Structures are given as C-alpha cells and as structure tokens.
Amino acid sequence: MIKLWVSHPLADLLDRVGLLPDYVDAQLEERIEKRAAAILGYGDEVPKKIRTETGFEVVAISRAHGRLLVHIEQRKSEVLRWTYREHSRNHCIFECPGIMPNTYQASLLGKPLAELAKPGFAASEAIIESIVPFADGWIKAHVAPIWRQFERNRRS
C-alpha cells in the first residue's frame, strides 16, 4: 500500500460529504493517466459536491508529493471573506480582512486559527505560525494544520 497524506481541514470536508481520500486520489490519478493536470478544478465532481453539500467554496483539490491539497475562496454575496490554501505540507495560508496591532499579532503565534478567525471547519484548529498584515486591510496567516496518513489503493 502507498501512503497518502491529507490535512485535517480537507479530511473534515471530505467526511462531511461522505468521500474518502482514496476516492479523491483515484480521481486525480485518472486525470494523470489521461495526461491532464493533477488537479480537480471548480467544475469537477469532488469540489462541486463539497460546495453543494457544505457551502464551502472549494476552488480546487490537487496532489503534490503524496499529499492532497485544498484551495478555498469563501465569499458572501460577491465579497471575498477569506481564503485557505494548502501549497504544501509546510506552506498553508489563511487570509482574511482585518487590522490588528502588532502586540496582538505576537500573542496569536502558536495558537489555533480560531483565535483569529472561525472559518467553520477544521482549519480553525490549524496552528498560527506567523501573521503578516497588509496595507489593504488583509491579514495573511501561515498556519500548520494536522496531517493524517491514509492508505491508497493506487497501482504503482
């Protein structure tokens, strides 16, 4: 068996819609076999199912280095409220509007994301590693979610 890593935030969303990480991985593998990019985009079945059943605006799910990675852009009406994107195991970003004093930024380091924002799924449990405020009124938080290992049945 081959190991597949999935973040707790993505596993939470998959659990909510009754999908297994192995199924998502098989969908990506099927795309690769057809010489397409290893990404399930906005119009593909899995992101669409998550959006429909949970209300979380999953833009894409990809795979890199044995990890499933999710990208979410949450909107209210036409206004972007927050984004969550897993680029790799060590590079996960949560961005949202907000202004905060430097002293408050320092007090959030090492705390769960829920101390800064409550996105409504398991990303709230990711640990804040750093926060960067921008002049446009947005905040970028580098976060560390928990990663879980699953077995995948993909042939090698």
Protein backbone atom coordinates (compact mmCIF):
# COMPACT_ATOMS: atom_id res chain seq x y z
CA MET A 1 0.00 0.00 0.00
CA ILE A 2 1.09 3.54 -0.75
CA LYS A 3 0.64 6.28 1.85
CA LEU A 4 -1.41 9.40 1.14
CA TRP A 5 -1.32 12.46 3.40
CA VAL A 6 -4.42 14.59 3.90
CA SER A 7 -4.75 17.68 6.07
CA HIS A 8 -7.30 17.62 8.86
CA PRO A 9 -9.18 20.55 7.20
CA LEU A 10 -9.58 18.66 3.91
CA ALA A 11 -10.37 15.38 5.69
CA ASP A 12 -13.10 17.23 7.62
CA LEU A 13 -14.70 18.48 4.39
CA LEU A 14 -14.47 15.04 2.78
CA ASP A 15 -16.03 13.43 5.87
CA ARG A 16 -18.93 15.89 5.71
CA VAL A 17 -19.81 14.75 2.18
CA GLY A 18 -19.03 11.06 2.65
CA LEU A 19 -15.95 10.86 0.42
CA LEU A 20 -12.74 9.03 1.23
CA PRO A 21 -9.31 10.49 0.46
CA ASP A 22 -8.60 7.35 -1.60
CA TYR A 23 -11.54 8.22 -3.89
CA VAL A 24 -10.21 11.75 -4.43
CA ASP A 25 -6.75 10.37 -5.10
CA ALA A 26 -8.22 7.94 -7.67
CA GLN A 27 -9.93 10.87 -9.43
CA LEU A 28 -6.58 12.67 -9.63
CA GLU A 29 -4.80 9.52 -10.81
CA GLU A 30 -7.37 9.11 -13.57
CA ARG A 31 -6.58 12.65 -14.77
CA ILE A 32 -2.84 11.92 -14.73
CA GLU A 33 -3.34 8.74 -16.75
CA LYS A 34 -5.08 10.89 -19.39
CA ARG A 35 -2.06 13.22 -19.32
CA ALA A 36 -4.07 16.01 -17.69
CA ALA A 37 -3.01 18.15 -14.72
CA ALA A 38 -3.25 16.55 -11.27
CA ILE A 39 -5.92 18.98 -10.15
CA LEU A 40 -9.66 18.74 -9.62
CA GLY A 41 -10.91 22.17 -10.62
CA TYR A 42 -14.01 24.17 -9.83
CA GLY A 43 -16.29 22.26 -12.21
CA ASP A 44 -15.14 18.76 -11.27
CA GLU A 45 -17.28 16.37 -9.23
CA VAL A 46 -15.47 16.45 -5.86
CA PRO A 47 -15.12 20.24 -5.42
CA LYS A 48 -18.68 20.69 -6.69
CA LYS A 49 -20.04 18.12 -4.21
CA ILE A 50 -18.23 19.79 -1.30
CA ARG A 51 -19.55 23.23 -2.31
CA THR A 52 -23.10 21.97 -2.74
CA GLU A 53 -23.29 19.95 0.48
CA THR A 54 -21.23 22.11 2.85
CA GLY A 55 -21.33 25.65 1.48
CA PHE A 56 -17.52 25.90 1.49
CA GLU A 57 -16.29 27.31 -1.82
CA VAL A 58 -13.68 24.73 -2.76
CA VAL A 59 -11.92 26.04 -5.86
CA ALA A 60 -9.54 23.13 -6.39
CA ILE A 61 -8.04 19.98 -4.94
CA SER A 62 -4.62 18.90 -6.14
CA ARG A 63 -1.94 16.40 -5.25
CA ALA A 64 1.76 17.03 -4.79
CA HIS A 65 4.40 14.85 -3.13
CA GLY A 66 1.84 12.34 -1.84
CA ARG A 67 -0.42 14.98 -0.30
CA LEU A 68 -3.91 16.09 -1.23
CA LEU A 69 -4.07 19.89 -1.13
CA VAL A 70 -7.18 22.09 -1.00
CA HIS A 71 -7.84 25.68 -2.11
CA ILE A 72 -10.94 27.51 -0.81
CA GLU A 73 -12.15 31.05 -1.55
CA GLN A 74 -15.09 31.77 0.73
CA ARG A 75 -17.43 34.54 -0.43
CA LYS A 76 -20.52 36.22 0.93
CA SER A 77 -22.51 37.55 -1.99
CA GLU A 78 -19.72 38.73 -4.29
CA VAL A 79 -17.34 39.77 -1.49
CA LEU A 80 -14.32 37.58 -0.75
CA ARG A 81 -14.44 36.88 3.02
CA TRP A 82 -11.39 34.62 3.41
CA THR A 83 -9.16 32.17 1.59
CA TYR A 84 -7.46 28.98 2.71
CA ARG A 85 -4.82 27.36 0.53
CA GLU A 86 -2.52 24.43 1.05
CA HIS A 87 0.52 24.81 -1.20
CA SER A 88 2.49 22.02 0.52
CA ARG A 89 2.81 20.42 3.95
CA ASN A 90 4.80 23.37 5.28
CA HIS A 91 3.12 26.17 3.34
CA CYS A 92 -0.56 26.63 4.24
CA ILE A 93 -2.08 30.10 4.16
CA PHE A 94 -5.26 31.60 5.60
CA GLU A 95 -6.09 35.16 4.51
CA CYS A 96 -8.90 37.42 5.68
CA PRO A 97 -9.69 41.11 6.07
CA GLY A 98 -8.69 42.64 9.38
CA ILE A 99 -6.48 45.15 11.10
CA MET A 100 -4.67 44.35 14.32
CA PRO A 101 -1.97 45.89 16.48
CA ASN A 102 1.49 44.30 16.44
CA THR A 103 1.13 43.22 20.07
CA TYR A 104 -1.98 41.22 19.23
CA GLN A 105 -0.20 39.56 16.29
CA ALA A 106 2.55 38.29 18.57
CA SER A 107 0.03 36.92 21.07
CA LEU A 108 -1.59 34.74 18.37
CA LEU A 109 1.56 32.86 17.39
CA GLY A 110 1.31 29.21 18.38
CA LYS A 111 -2.47 29.47 18.91
CA PRO A 112 -5.23 27.83 16.85
CA LEU A 113 -6.56 29.80 13.88
CA ALA A 114 -9.89 30.03 15.73
CA GLU A 115 -8.26 32.75 17.87
CA LEU A 116 -8.02 34.93 14.72
CA ALA A 117 -10.98 33.73 12.63
CA LYS A 118 -13.56 30.98 12.67
CA PRO A 119 -13.87 29.61 9.13
CA GLY A 120 -16.35 26.93 10.28
CA PHE A 121 -14.39 23.76 9.53
CA ALA A 122 -11.26 22.04 10.85
CA ALA A 123 -8.92 24.79 9.55
CA SER A 124 -9.90 26.53 12.82
CA GLU A 125 -7.63 24.03 14.60
CA ALA A 126 -4.53 24.79 12.48
CA ILE A 127 -1.76 26.47 14.49
CA ILE A 128 -0.76 30.03 13.56
CA GLU A 129 2.95 30.17 12.73
CA SER A 130 3.16 33.78 11.53
CA ILE A 131 0.92 36.70 10.65
CA VAL A 132 1.57 39.38 8.05
CA PRO A 133 -0.75 42.39 7.86
CA PHE A 134 -1.05 44.19 4.52
CA ALA A 135 -1.80 47.86 3.86
CA ASP A 136 -5.01 46.93 2.01
CA GLY A 137 -6.58 45.71 5.27
CA TRP A 138 -5.99 41.99 4.77
CA ILE A 139 -4.07 39.61 7.02
CA LYS A 140 -2.06 36.60 5.86
CA ALA A 141 -1.56 33.87 8.44
CA HIS A 142 0.81 30.98 7.80
CA VAL A 143 -0.80 28.03 9.54
CA ALA A 144 0.15 24.45 10.31
CA PRO A 145 -2.75 22.01 10.08
CA ILE A 146 -2.53 18.46 11.35
CA TRP A 147 -1.79 15.96 8.56
CA ARG A 148 -3.21 12.44 8.63
CA GLN A 149 -1.92 9.46 6.72
CA PHE A 150 -4.22 7.22 4.68
CA GLU A 151 -3.56 4.16 2.58
CA ARG A 152 -4.31 4.45 -1.10
CA ASN A 153 -5.04 1.59 -3.42
CA ARG A 154 -3.48 3.18 -6.47
CA ARG A 155 -1.29 0.95 -8.56
CA SER A 156 2.37 1.96 -8.82
